[in-house]
Amino acid sequence: TKSVVSECFRRGLLILTCGENTLRLCPPLMIDDSQSDAAL
């Protein structure tokens, strides 16, 4: 989980964890299709 957070950061995506092994996605409410697809 820690590794995924770091790898995402290096690739331009900021995410947080919730607990020890859960990734939390809470993007801005104005996110669009292209941004969602880029995050995925």
Full PDB file with SEQRES, HELIX, SHEET, SSBOND, CRYST1, ORIGX, SCALE, CONECT and MASTER records, all heavy atoms in Angstrom:
SEQRES   1 A   40  THR LYS SER VAL VAL SER GLU CYS PHE ARG ARG GLY LEU          
SEQRES   2 A   40  LEU ILE LEU THR CYS GLY GLU ASN THR LEU ARG LEU CYS          
SEQRES   3 A   40  PRO PRO LEU MET ILE ASP ASP SER GLN SER ASP ALA ALA          
SEQRES   4 A   40  LEU                                                          
HELIX    1 AA1 LYS A    2  ARG A   11  1                                  10    
HELIX    2 AA2 ASP A   33  ALA A   39  1                                   7    
SHEET    1 AA1 2 LEU A  16  THR A  17  0                                        
SHEET    2 AA1 2 LEU A  23  ARG A  24 -1                                        
CRYST1    1.000    1.000    1.000  90.00  90.00  90.00 P 1           1          
ORIGX1      1.000000  0.000000  0.000000        0.00000                         
ORIGX2      0.000000  1.000000  0.000000        0.00000                         
ORIGX3      0.000000  0.000000  1.000000        0.00000                         
SCALE1      1.000000  0.000000  0.000000        0.00000                         
SCALE2      0.000000  1.000000  0.000000        0.00000                         
SCALE3      0.000000  0.000000  1.000000        0.00000                         
ATOM      1  N   THR A   1       0.834  -1.205   0.000  1.00  0.00           N  
ATOM      2  CA  THR A   1       0.000   0.000   0.000  1.00  0.00           C  
ATOM      3  C   THR A   1       0.866   1.252   0.000  1.00  0.00           C  
ATOM      4  O   THR A   1       0.619   2.203  -0.762  1.00  0.00           O  
ATOM      5  CB  THR A   1      -0.937   0.003   1.222  1.00  0.00           C  
ATOM      6  OG1 THR A   1      -1.785  -1.149   1.165  1.00  0.00           O  
ATOM      7  CG2 THR A   1      -1.796   1.255   1.243  1.00  0.00           C  
ATOM      8  N   LYS A   2       1.891   1.253   0.828  1.00  0.00           N  
ATOM      9  CA  LYS A   2       2.821   2.384   0.858  1.00  0.00           C  
ATOM     10  C   LYS A   2       3.523   2.539  -0.481  1.00  0.00           C  
ATOM     11  O   LYS A   2       3.747   3.665  -0.959  1.00  0.00           O  
ATOM     12  CB  LYS A   2       3.844   2.192   1.981  1.00  0.00           C  
ATOM     13  CG  LYS A   2       3.260   2.214   3.379  1.00  0.00           C  
ATOM     14  CD  LYS A   2       4.332   1.947   4.417  1.00  0.00           C  
ATOM     15  CE  LYS A   2       3.735   1.927   5.825  1.00  0.00           C  
ATOM     16  NZ  LYS A   2       4.772   1.586   6.850  1.00  0.00           N  
ATOM     17  N   SER A   3       3.862   1.415  -1.087  1.00  0.00           N  
ATOM     18  CA  SER A   3       4.535   1.447  -2.377  1.00  0.00           C  
ATOM     19  C   SER A   3       3.639   2.029  -3.460  1.00  0.00           C  
ATOM     20  O   SER A   3       4.097   2.824  -4.299  1.00  0.00           O  
ATOM     21  CB  SER A   3       4.979   0.032  -2.768  1.00  0.00           C  
ATOM     22  OG  SER A   3       5.594   0.030  -4.038  1.00  0.00           O  
ATOM     23  N   VAL A   4       2.353   1.654  -3.459  1.00  0.00           N  
ATOM     24  CA  VAL A   4       1.419   2.190  -4.449  1.00  0.00           C  
ATOM     25  C   VAL A   4       1.279   3.699  -4.308  1.00  0.00           C  
ATOM     26  O   VAL A   4       1.252   4.435  -5.305  1.00  0.00           O  
ATOM     27  CB  VAL A   4       0.036   1.507  -4.327  1.00  0.00           C  
ATOM     28  CG1 VAL A   4      -0.997   2.212  -5.195  1.00  0.00           C  
ATOM     29  CG2 VAL A   4       0.122   0.040  -4.730  1.00  0.00           C  
ATOM     30  N   VAL A   5       1.201   4.182  -3.076  1.00  0.00           N  
ATOM     31  CA  VAL A   5       1.103   5.625  -2.844  1.00  0.00           C  
ATOM     32  C   VAL A   5       2.324   6.338  -3.423  1.00  0.00           C  
ATOM     33  O   VAL A   5       2.202   7.376  -4.092  1.00  0.00           O  
ATOM     34  CB  VAL A   5       0.964   5.930  -1.341  1.00  0.00           C  
ATOM     35  CG1 VAL A   5       1.065   7.429  -1.078  1.00  0.00           C  
ATOM     36  CG2 VAL A   5      -0.365   5.406  -0.817  1.00  0.00           C  
ATOM     37  N   SER A   6       3.505   5.778  -3.193  1.00  0.00           N  
ATOM     38  CA  SER A   6       4.745   6.376  -3.707  1.00  0.00           C  
ATOM     39  C   SER A   6       4.802   6.320  -5.226  1.00  0.00           C  
ATOM     40  O   SER A   6       5.204   7.297  -5.883  1.00  0.00           O  
ATOM     41  CB  SER A   6       5.961   5.661  -3.111  1.00  0.00           C  
ATOM     42  OG  SER A   6       6.015   5.813  -1.705  1.00  0.00           O  
ATOM     43  N   GLU A   7       4.409   5.178  -5.793  1.00  0.00           N  
ATOM     44  CA  GLU A   7       4.429   5.034  -7.248  1.00  0.00           C  
ATOM     45  C   GLU A   7       3.438   6.002  -7.901  1.00  0.00           C  
ATOM     46  O   GLU A   7       3.715   6.571  -8.961  1.00  0.00           O  
ATOM     47  CB  GLU A   7       4.099   3.595  -7.637  1.00  0.00           C  
ATOM     48  CG  GLU A   7       5.154   2.563  -7.258  1.00  0.00           C  
ATOM     49  CD  GLU A   7       6.446   2.734  -8.046  1.00  0.00           C  
ATOM     50  OE1 GLU A   7       6.418   3.381  -9.100  1.00  0.00           O  
ATOM     51  OE2 GLU A   7       7.478   2.225  -7.592  1.00  0.00           O  
ATOM     52  N   CYS A   8       2.295   6.183  -7.296  1.00  0.00           N  
ATOM     53  CA  CYS A   8       1.312   7.139  -7.818  1.00  0.00           C  
ATOM     54  C   CYS A   8       1.877   8.557  -7.779  1.00  0.00           C  
ATOM     55  O   CYS A   8       1.716   9.327  -8.738  1.00  0.00           O  
ATOM     56  CB  CYS A   8       0.012   7.072  -7.011  1.00  0.00           C  
ATOM     57  SG  CYS A   8      -1.041   5.648  -7.393  1.00  0.00           S  
ATOM     58  N   PHE A   9       2.535   8.901  -6.690  1.00  0.00           N  
ATOM     59  CA  PHE A   9       3.126  10.237  -6.556  1.00  0.00           C  
ATOM     60  C   PHE A   9       4.154  10.489  -7.659  1.00  0.00           C  
ATOM     61  O   PHE A   9       4.172  11.560  -8.274  1.00  0.00           O  
ATOM     62  CB  PHE A   9       3.780  10.379  -5.183  1.00  0.00           C  
ATOM     63  CG  PHE A   9       4.477  11.689  -4.970  1.00  0.00           C  
ATOM     64  CD1 PHE A   9       3.750  12.842  -4.695  1.00  0.00           C  
ATOM     65  CD2 PHE A   9       5.856  11.787  -5.051  1.00  0.00           C  
ATOM     66  CE1 PHE A   9       4.392  14.059  -4.507  1.00  0.00           C  
ATOM     67  CE2 PHE A   9       6.505  12.994  -4.864  1.00  0.00           C  
ATOM     68  CZ  PHE A   9       5.765  14.133  -4.590  1.00  0.00           C  
ATOM     69  N   ARG A  10       5.005   9.481  -7.916  1.00  0.00           N  
ATOM     70  CA  ARG A  10       6.022   9.627  -8.951  1.00  0.00           C  
ATOM     71  C   ARG A  10       5.403   9.800 -10.335  1.00  0.00           C  
ATOM     72  O   ARG A  10       6.001  10.414 -11.223  1.00  0.00           O  
ATOM     73  CB  ARG A  10       6.962   8.420  -8.946  1.00  0.00           C  
ATOM     74  CG  ARG A  10       8.025   8.486  -7.856  1.00  0.00           C  
ATOM     75  CD  ARG A  10       9.094   7.458  -8.078  1.00  0.00           C  
ATOM     76  NE  ARG A  10       8.686   6.131  -7.665  1.00  0.00           N  
ATOM     77  CZ  ARG A  10       8.874   5.661  -6.438  1.00  0.00           C  
ATOM     78  NH1 ARG A  10       9.448   6.422  -5.512  1.00  0.00           N  
ATOM     79  NH2 ARG A  10       8.481   4.446  -6.122  1.00  0.00           N  
ATOM     80  N   ARG A  11       4.195   9.274 -10.499  1.00  0.00           N  
ATOM     81  CA  ARG A  11       3.524   9.343 -11.800  1.00  0.00           C  
ATOM     82  C   ARG A  11       2.566  10.535 -11.906  1.00  0.00           C  
ATOM     83  O   ARG A  11       1.911  10.706 -12.921  1.00  0.00           O  
ATOM     84  CB  ARG A  11       2.762   8.038 -12.046  1.00  0.00           C  
ATOM     85  CG  ARG A  11       3.668   6.834 -12.310  1.00  0.00           C  
ATOM     86  CD  ARG A  11       2.907   5.522 -12.157  1.00  0.00           C  
ATOM     87  NE  ARG A  11       3.651   4.378 -12.644  1.00  0.00           N  
ATOM     88  CZ  ARG A  11       4.631   3.781 -11.996  1.00  0.00           C  
ATOM     89  NH1 ARG A  11       4.993   4.255 -10.793  1.00  0.00           N  
ATOM     90  NH2 ARG A  11       5.267   2.745 -12.515  1.00  0.00           N  
ATOM     91  N   GLY A  12       2.459  11.322 -10.841  1.00  0.00           N  
ATOM     92  CA  GLY A  12       1.646  12.533 -10.900  1.00  0.00           C  
ATOM     93  C   GLY A  12       0.267  12.438 -10.296  1.00  0.00           C  
ATOM     94  O   GLY A  12      -0.589  13.285 -10.568  1.00  0.00           O  
ATOM     95  N   LEU A  13       0.031  11.423  -9.454  1.00  0.00           N  
ATOM     96  CA  LEU A  13      -1.276  11.263  -8.802  1.00  0.00           C  
ATOM     97  C   LEU A  13      -1.092  11.260  -7.291  1.00  0.00           C  
ATOM     98  O   LEU A  13      -0.351  10.433  -6.750  1.00  0.00           O  
ATOM     99  CB  LEU A  13      -1.945   9.958  -9.250  1.00  0.00           C  
ATOM    100  CG  LEU A  13      -3.299   9.622  -8.614  1.00  0.00           C  
ATOM    101  CD1 LEU A  13      -4.355  10.654  -9.025  1.00  0.00           C  
ATOM    102  CD2 LEU A  13      -3.740   8.212  -8.983  1.00  0.00           C  
ATOM    103  N   LEU A  14      -1.768  12.185  -6.607  1.00  0.00           N  
ATOM    104  CA  LEU A  14      -1.693  12.252  -5.157  1.00  0.00           C  
ATOM    105  C   LEU A  14      -2.857  11.498  -4.542  1.00  0.00           C  
ATOM    106  O   LEU A  14      -4.024  11.815  -4.796  1.00  0.00           O  
ATOM    107  CB  LEU A  14      -1.738  13.710  -4.691  1.00  0.00           C  
ATOM    108  CG  LEU A  14      -0.572  14.604  -5.106  1.00  0.00           C  
ATOM    109  CD1 LEU A  14      -0.829  16.036  -4.655  1.00  0.00           C  
ATOM    110  CD2 LEU A  14       0.741  14.093  -4.525  1.00  0.00           C  
ATOM    111  N   ILE A  15      -2.562  10.473  -3.750  1.00  0.00           N  
ATOM    112  CA  ILE A  15      -3.594   9.739  -3.032  1.00  0.00           C  
ATOM    113  C   ILE A  15      -3.148   9.560  -1.583  1.00  0.00           C  
ATOM    114  O   ILE A  15      -1.963   9.662  -1.257  1.00  0.00           O  
ATOM    115  CB  ILE A  15      -3.888   8.355  -3.660  1.00  0.00           C  
ATOM    116  CG1 ILE A  15      -2.622   7.494  -3.709  1.00  0.00           C  
ATOM    117  CG2 ILE A  15      -4.481   8.505  -5.050  1.00  0.00           C  
ATOM    118  CD1 ILE A  15      -2.885   6.084  -4.196  1.00  0.00           C  
ATOM    119  N   LEU A  16      -4.106   9.299  -0.722  1.00  0.00           N  
ATOM    120  CA  LEU A  16      -3.836   9.060   0.688  1.00  0.00           C  
ATOM    121  C   LEU A  16      -4.278   7.658   1.066  1.00  0.00           C  
ATOM    122  O   LEU A  16      -5.011   6.999   0.322  1.00  0.00           O  
ATOM    123  CB  LEU A  16      -4.585  10.082   1.552  1.00  0.00           C  
ATOM    124  CG  LEU A  16      -4.209  11.548   1.378  1.00  0.00           C  
ATOM    125  CD1 LEU A  16      -5.157  12.417   2.209  1.00  0.00           C  
ATOM    126  CD2 LEU A  16      -2.767  11.790   1.791  1.00  0.00           C  
ATOM    127  N   THR A  17      -3.826   7.229   2.227  1.00  0.00           N  
ATOM    128  CA  THR A  17      -4.288   5.946   2.751  1.00  0.00           C  
ATOM    129  C   THR A  17      -5.346   6.183   3.817  1.00  0.00           C  
ATOM    130  O   THR A  17      -5.460   7.266   4.384  1.00  0.00           O  
ATOM    131  CB  THR A  17      -3.126   5.148   3.367  1.00  0.00           C  
ATOM    132  OG1 THR A  17      -2.514   5.933   4.392  1.00  0.00           O  
ATOM    133  CG2 THR A  17      -2.105   4.793   2.310  1.00  0.00           C  
ATOM    134  N   CYS A  18      -6.111   5.165   4.077  1.00  0.00           N  
ATOM    135  CA  CYS A  18      -7.091   5.167   5.165  1.00  0.00           C  
ATOM    136  C   CYS A  18      -6.871   3.861   5.915  1.00  0.00           C  
ATOM    137  O   CYS A  18      -7.227   2.787   5.410  1.00  0.00           O  
ATOM    138  CB  CYS A  18      -8.512   5.259   4.608  1.00  0.00           C  
ATOM    139  SG  CYS A  18      -9.780   5.371   5.874  1.00  0.00           S  
ATOM    140  N   GLY A  19      -6.240   3.925   7.067  1.00  0.00           N  
ATOM    141  CA  GLY A  19      -5.808   2.711   7.716  1.00  0.00           C  
ATOM    142  C   GLY A  19      -4.498   2.239   7.090  1.00  0.00           C  
ATOM    143  O   GLY A  19      -3.847   2.961   6.327  1.00  0.00           O  
ATOM    144  N   GLU A  20      -4.115   1.023   7.377  1.00  0.00           N  
ATOM    145  CA  GLU A  20      -2.811   0.516   6.929  1.00  0.00           C  
ATOM    146  C   GLU A  20      -2.795   0.041   5.487  1.00  0.00           C  
ATOM    147  O   GLU A  20      -1.745   0.059   4.842  1.00  0.00           O  
ATOM    148  CB  GLU A  20      -2.373  -0.646   7.833  1.00  0.00           C  
ATOM    149  CG  GLU A  20      -2.039  -0.260   9.250  1.00  0.00           C  
ATOM    150  CD  GLU A  20      -1.519  -1.420  10.059  1.00  0.00           C  
ATOM    151  OE1 GLU A  20      -2.065  -2.538   9.922  1.00  0.00           O  
ATOM    152  OE2 GLU A  20      -0.542  -1.218  10.808  1.00  0.00           O  
ATOM    153  N   ASN A  21      -3.946  -0.388   4.962  1.00  0.00           N  
ATOM    154  CA  ASN A  21      -3.899  -1.037   3.646  1.00  0.00           C  
ATOM    155  C   ASN A  21      -5.053  -0.643   2.726  1.00  0.00           C  
ATOM    156  O   ASN A  21      -5.432  -1.412   1.841  1.00  0.00           O  
ATOM    157  CB  ASN A  21      -3.885  -2.565   3.809  1.00  0.00           C  
ATOM    158  CG  ASN A  21      -5.187  -3.100   4.385  1.00  0.00           C  
ATOM    159  OD1 ASN A  21      -5.706  -2.570   5.360  1.00  0.00           O  
ATOM    160  ND2 ASN A  21      -5.716  -4.144   3.770  1.00  0.00           N  
ATOM    161  N   THR A  22      -5.589   0.547   2.918  1.00  0.00           N  
ATOM    162  CA  THR A  22      -6.653   1.015   2.035  1.00  0.00           C  
ATOM    163  C   THR A  22      -6.261   2.345   1.408  1.00  0.00           C  
ATOM    164  O   THR A  22      -5.875   3.278   2.107  1.00  0.00           O  
ATOM    165  CB  THR A  22      -7.976   1.175   2.803  1.00  0.00           C  
ATOM    166  OG1 THR A  22      -8.364  -0.092   3.332  1.00  0.00           O  
ATOM    167  CG2 THR A  22      -9.087   1.668   1.876  1.00  0.00           C  
ATOM    168  N   LEU A  23      -6.355   2.403   0.083  1.00  0.00           N  
ATOM    169  CA  LEU A  23      -6.121   3.638  -0.647  1.00  0.00           C  
ATOM    170  C   LEU A  23      -7.421   4.433  -0.664  1.00  0.00           C  
ATOM    171  O   LEU A  23      -8.489   3.878  -0.905  1.00  0.00           O  
ATOM    172  CB  LEU A  23      -5.687   3.337  -2.084  1.00  0.00           C  
ATOM    173  CG  LEU A  23      -4.452   2.432  -2.252  1.00  0.00           C  
ATOM    174  CD1 LEU A  23      -4.265   2.079  -3.722  1.00  0.00           C  
ATOM    175  CD2 LEU A  23      -3.217   3.103  -1.689  1.00  0.00           C  
ATOM    176  N   ARG A  24      -7.320   5.721  -0.437  1.00  0.00           N  
ATOM    177  CA  ARG A  24      -8.507   6.572  -0.378  1.00  0.00           C  
ATOM    178  C   ARG A  24      -8.514   7.532  -1.559  1.00  0.00           C  
ATOM    179  O   ARG A  24      -7.570   8.277  -1.780  1.00  0.00           O  
ATOM    180  CB  ARG A  24      -8.529   7.358   0.940  1.00  0.00           C  
ATOM    181  CG  ARG A  24      -9.687   8.315   1.069  1.00  0.00           C  
ATOM    182  CD  ARG A  24      -9.771   8.910   2.445  1.00  0.00           C  
ATOM    183  NE  ARG A  24      -8.532   9.535   2.880  1.00  0.00           N  
ATOM    184  CZ  ARG A  24      -8.402  10.201   4.033  1.00  0.00           C  
ATOM    185  NH1 ARG A  24      -9.423  10.293   4.859  1.00  0.00           N  
ATOM    186  NH2 ARG A  24      -7.253  10.743   4.365  1.00  0.00           N  
ATOM    187  N   LEU A  25      -9.596   7.508  -2.317  1.00  0.00           N  
ATOM    188  CA  LEU A  25      -9.769   8.421  -3.447  1.00  0.00           C  
ATOM    189  C   LEU A  25     -10.896   9.396  -3.111  1.00  0.00           C  
ATOM    190  O   LEU A  25     -12.051   8.994  -2.991  1.00  0.00           O  
ATOM    191  CB  LEU A  25     -10.114   7.652  -4.722  1.00  0.00           C  
ATOM    192  CG  LEU A  25      -9.100   6.613  -5.225  1.00  0.00           C  
ATOM    193  CD1 LEU A  25      -9.562   6.050  -6.564  1.00  0.00           C  
ATOM    194  CD2 LEU A  25      -7.710   7.204  -5.354  1.00  0.00           C  
ATOM    195  N   CYS A  26     -10.561  10.659  -2.980  1.00  0.00           N  
ATOM    196  CA  CYS A  26     -11.552  11.713  -2.730  1.00  0.00           C  
ATOM    197  C   CYS A  26     -11.209  12.916  -3.598  1.00  0.00           C  
ATOM    198  O   CYS A  26     -10.827  13.979  -3.087  1.00  0.00           O  
ATOM    199  CB  CYS A  26     -11.571  12.104  -1.253  1.00  0.00           C  
ATOM    200  SG  CYS A  26     -12.250  10.868  -0.154  1.00  0.00           S  
ATOM    201  N   PRO A  27     -11.332  12.773  -4.930  1.00  0.00           N  
ATOM    202  CA  PRO A  27     -10.960  13.869  -5.822  1.00  0.00           C  
ATOM    203  C   PRO A  27     -11.966  15.014  -5.767  1.00  0.00           C  
ATOM    204  O   PRO A  27     -13.066  14.861  -5.221  1.00  0.00           O  
ATOM    205  CB  PRO A  27     -10.968  13.203  -7.206  1.00  0.00           C  
ATOM    206  CG  PRO A  27     -11.970  12.101  -7.070  1.00  0.00           C  
ATOM    207  CD  PRO A  27     -11.820  11.597  -5.661  1.00  0.00           C  
ATOM    208  N   PRO A  28     -11.619  16.171  -6.335  1.00  0.00           N  
ATOM    209  CA  PRO A  28     -12.558  17.290  -6.383  1.00  0.00           C  
ATOM    210  C   PRO A  28     -13.851  16.890  -7.085  1.00  0.00           C  
ATOM    211  O   PRO A  28     -13.842  16.095  -8.023  1.00  0.00           O  
ATOM    212  CB  PRO A  28     -11.795  18.360  -7.178  1.00  0.00           C  
ATOM    213  CG  PRO A  28     -10.356  18.018  -6.986  1.00  0.00           C  
ATOM    214  CD  PRO A  28     -10.309  16.524  -6.917  1.00  0.00           C  
ATOM    215  N   LEU A  29     -14.950  17.463  -6.652  1.00  0.00           N  
ATOM    216  CA  LEU A  29     -16.246  17.126  -7.231  1.00  0.00           C  
ATOM    217  C   LEU A  29     -16.363  17.549  -8.689  1.00  0.00           C  
ATOM    218  O   LEU A  29     -17.261  17.102  -9.401  1.00  0.00           O  
ATOM    219  CB  LEU A  29     -17.378  17.766  -6.417  1.00  0.00           C  
ATOM    220  CG  LEU A  29     -17.916  16.955  -5.234  1.00  0.00           C  
ATOM    221  CD1 LEU A  29     -16.825  16.642  -4.223  1.00  0.00           C  
ATOM    222  CD2 LEU A  29     -19.059  17.687  -4.547  1.00  0.00           C  
ATOM    223  N   MET A  30     -15.471  18.399  -9.161  1.00  0.00           N  
ATOM    224  CA  MET A  30     -15.514  18.887 -10.536  1.00  0.00           C  
ATOM    225  C   MET A  30     -14.656  18.039 -11.486  1.00  0.00           C  
ATOM    226  O   MET A  30     -14.495  18.375 -12.658  1.00  0.00           O  
ATOM    227  CB  MET A  30     -15.038  20.337 -10.597  1.00  0.00           C  
ATOM    228  CG  MET A  30     -13.616  20.533 -10.114  1.00  0.00           C  
ATOM    229  SD  MET A  30     -13.158  22.278  -9.925  1.00  0.00           S  
ATOM    230  CE  MET A  30     -13.305  22.840 -11.615  1.00  0.00           C  
ATOM    231  N   ILE A  31     -14.131  16.915 -11.029  1.00  0.00           N  
ATOM    232  CA  ILE A  31     -13.304  16.053 -11.868  1.00  0.00           C  
ATOM    233  C   ILE A  31     -14.088  15.640 -13.120  1.00  0.00           C  
ATOM    234  O   ILE A  31     -15.300  15.422 -13.070  1.00  0.00           O  
ATOM    235  CB  ILE A  31     -12.842  14.823 -11.063  1.00  0.00           C  
ATOM    236  CG1 ILE A  31     -11.806  14.013 -11.840  1.00  0.00           C  
ATOM    237  CG2 ILE A  31     -14.024  13.946 -10.662  1.00  0.00           C  
ATOM    238  CD1 ILE A  31     -11.185  12.885 -11.018  1.00  0.00           C  
ATOM    239  N   ASP A  32     -13.377  15.528 -14.261  1.00  0.00           N  
ATOM    240  CA  ASP A  32     -14.066  15.151 -15.497  1.00  0.00           C  
ATOM    241  C   ASP A  32     -13.625  13.763 -15.966  1.00  0.00           C  
ATOM    242  O   ASP A  32     -12.798  13.103 -15.323  1.00  0.00           O  
ATOM    243  CB  ASP A  32     -13.840  16.200 -16.595  1.00  0.00           C  
ATOM    244  CG  ASP A  32     -12.365  16.405 -16.937  1.00  0.00           C  
ATOM    245  OD1 ASP A  32     -11.554  15.470 -16.750  1.00  0.00           O  
ATOM    246  OD2 ASP A  32     -12.016  17.505 -17.410  1.00  0.00           O  
ATOM    247  N   ASP A  33     -14.169  13.331 -17.101  1.00  0.00           N  
ATOM    248  CA  ASP A  33     -13.897  11.983 -17.606  1.00  0.00           C  
ATOM    249  C   ASP A  33     -12.408  11.745 -17.843  1.00  0.00           C  
ATOM    250  O   ASP A  33     -11.863  10.706 -17.462  1.00  0.00           O  
ATOM    251  CB  ASP A  33     -14.655  11.740 -18.916  1.00  0.00           C  
ATOM    252  CG  ASP A  33     -16.161  11.615 -18.723  1.00  0.00           C  
ATOM    253  OD1 ASP A  33     -16.610  11.610 -17.559  1.00  0.00           O  
ATOM    254  OD2 ASP A  33     -16.891  11.519 -19.733  1.00  0.00           O  
ATOM    255  N   SER A  34     -11.753  12.698 -18.486  1.00  0.00           N  
ATOM    256  CA  SER A  34     -10.339  12.515 -18.819  1.00  0.00           C  
ATOM    257  C   SER A  34      -9.482  12.419 -17.566  1.00  0.00           C  
ATOM    258  O   SER A  34      -8.519  11.634 -17.513  1.00  0.00           O  
ATOM    259  CB  SER A  34      -9.852  13.664 -19.715  1.00  0.00           C  
ATOM    260  OG  SER A  34      -9.928  14.908 -19.040  1.00  0.00           O  
ATOM    261  N   GLN A  35      -9.803  13.188 -16.539  1.00  0.00           N  
ATOM    262  CA  GLN A  35      -9.044  13.131 -15.293  1.00  0.00           C  
ATOM    263  C   GLN A  35      -9.289  11.823 -14.554  1.00  0.00           C  
ATOM    264  O   GLN A  35      -8.361  11.246 -13.979  1.00  0.00           O  
ATOM    265  CB  GLN A  35      -9.406  14.329 -14.429  1.00  0.00           C  
ATOM    266  CG  GLN A  35      -8.916  15.658 -14.998  1.00  0.00           C  
ATOM    267  CD  GLN A  35      -9.547  16.860 -14.321  1.00  0.00           C  
ATOM    268  OE1 GLN A  35     -10.656  16.787 -13.793  1.00  0.00           O  
ATOM    269  NE2 GLN A  35      -8.849  17.988 -14.333  1.00  0.00           N  
ATOM    270  N   SER A  36     -10.526  11.353 -14.556  1.00  0.00           N  
ATOM    271  CA  SER A  36     -10.824  10.058 -13.939  1.00  0.00           C  
ATOM    272  C   SER A  36     -10.064   8.943 -14.647  1.00  0.00           C  
ATOM    273  O   SER A  36      -9.476   8.058 -14.002  1.00  0.00           O  
ATOM    274  CB  SER A  36     -12.329   9.777 -13.991  1.00  0.00           C  
ATOM    275  OG  SER A  36     -13.048  10.644 -13.138  1.00  0.00           O  
ATOM    276  N   ASP A  37     -10.071   8.980 -15.969  1.00  0.00           N  
ATOM    277  CA  ASP A  37      -9.383   7.942 -16.733  1.00  0.00           C  
ATOM    278  C   ASP A  37      -7.873   8.010 -16.525  1.00  0.00           C  
ATOM    279  O   ASP A  37      -7.200   6.977 -16.463  1.00  0.00           O  
ATOM    280  CB  ASP A  37      -9.718   8.078 -18.220  1.00  0.00           C  
ATOM    281  CG  ASP A  37     -11.175   7.767 -18.523  1.00  0.00           C  
ATOM    282  OD1 ASP A  37     -11.843   7.172 -17.647  1.00  0.00           O  
ATOM    283  OD2 ASP A  37     -11.644   8.119 -19.617  1.00  0.00           O  
ATOM    284  N   ALA A  38      -7.332   9.225 -16.412  1.00  0.00           N  
ATOM    285  CA  ALA A  38      -5.898   9.372 -16.151  1.00  0.00           C  
ATOM    286  C   ALA A  38      -5.533   8.799 -14.784  1.00  0.00           C  
ATOM    287  O   ALA A  38      -4.505   8.130 -14.635  1.00  0.00           O  
ATOM    288  CB  ALA A  38      -5.497  10.848 -16.235  1.00  0.00           C  
ATOM    289  N   ALA A  39      -6.385   9.045 -13.780  1.00  0.00           N  
ATOM    290  CA  ALA A  39      -6.143   8.503 -12.441  1.00  0.00           C  
ATOM    291  C   ALA A  39      -6.162   6.977 -12.462  1.00  0.00           C  
ATOM    292  O   ALA A  39      -5.328   6.322 -11.828  1.00  0.00           O  
ATOM    293  CB  ALA A  39      -7.182   9.043 -11.469  1.00  0.00           C  
ATOM    294  N   LEU A  40      -7.112   6.408 -13.193  1.00  0.00           N  
ATOM    295  CA  LEU A  40      -7.195   4.953 -13.294  1.00  0.00           C  
ATOM    296  C   LEU A  40      -5.955   4.374 -13.967  1.00  0.00           C  
ATOM    297  O   LEU A  40      -5.432   3.336 -13.537  1.00  0.00           O  
ATOM    298  CB  LEU A  40      -8.451   4.554 -14.073  1.00  0.00           C  
ATOM    299  CG  LEU A  40      -9.785   4.769 -13.359  1.00  0.00           C  
ATOM    300  CD1 LEU A  40     -10.949   4.571 -14.326  1.00  0.00           C  
ATOM    301  CD2 LEU A  40      -9.925   3.830 -12.160  1.00  0.00           C  
TER     302      LEU A  40                                                      
MASTER        0    0    0    2    2    0    0    6  301    1    0    4          
END                                                                             
